[in-house]
Amino acid sequence: MHLIDGAVAASKNAAAWALVPFLATSLAAGQSRTGPQVSPRAQSVARIEAQLRWNDERGKEAYVDARSRLTNEILAEVDGFIRESFMPRTASPDVVRRGLDELLNPRRDSFRNNFAATTDLSSGQYLIVGIEIPRGGPAEAEDAISIRAYRNDSGKFVLVTSVSDVTGTVGEIPYLIDLRVLTLPGPPVSGEFWFFSWARISPQSPPTAALRLYAFDGKRFRTVWSPAGDLLTEDYSSLVELVPGGFVVNRAVDPSGEAPHAPSLLVHEMFVPTVDGAIKVREWTSPVR
């Protein structure tokens, strides 16, 4: 299983990409176009992120009014950071992910993750990233999650498109945190990049997740499949597992219907990806461990 998240292991070539911190005066050799400009970007992002946090009702009102504008400002900073900091011919996904962590999550919050992957399609070389922007108030994490695609345009990664449709609520309270992604090798449509993305949409335990299967064709993202509803999970990291010929979604359920957040049964559903989405071909159960 190829899981790209904040805990991904360094590749065998990681030593060749040894970095000084992105907030310092330079990036790794061969990676930085304008290393000294990274620190001002990080400072700008930190200043904006501070406005995306609230601690009382007055602060919440100001946050709600400015939430979309401030989020877009950070996204613009990310696009500029990607364009200026990474050379397409040498940028590795792990280096990009670590750079995004330094920019957006310098405190290394384990529940906030960024990811990066590269893919070569018939229309060019692309960098796919997922970013998680911390937002919200006490016990109300309302992170902004954005999946973004950049194309190698004359030696720079330039934004092509983005998607941000993974959302969640707890009653009337927005909640979203802990982005994960899993690439789907050998998608049913040649010349496309397919991957799963999921995030926690409730602070309750066990975690509840929203799940999407995306496809990227070089121009746009499209959601090719998603489950009928939100998924209660026992092992959040293994919500989706790749198997020969398809994938398995592992969800937790309470057969009695009386204790939805104390599930006793795991339902394993196997799907085969198709051009139009995914077809369920098998289901089995096992007890919650």
Foldseek 3Di string as FASTA:
>chain_A
DDWFKPPDDDDPCVVVQDFDQLLDQATGPPFAQGSNCSNVLLVVLVVLLVLQEDEDPVSVVSNVVCVVVSVVVNVVSLQVCQFGGGWVVDDDFVSNQSNLCVRAPVVPDVFFIKGWDWDAFPVAIKIWMWGWHFGYYDVQTQIFIKIWMFGQDVGGTHTQEIDGPFWAADVPGTHWIRKIKAWDPPAQDPRKTKMKIKTFGDPAPPTKMWIFIWIGNPHYIDTLDTDPDIFRDDDVSVQWDDDVQFIKGKGFAAVVPPCGRPGFKIKIWTWHAHPRHIDTDDIDMDTRD
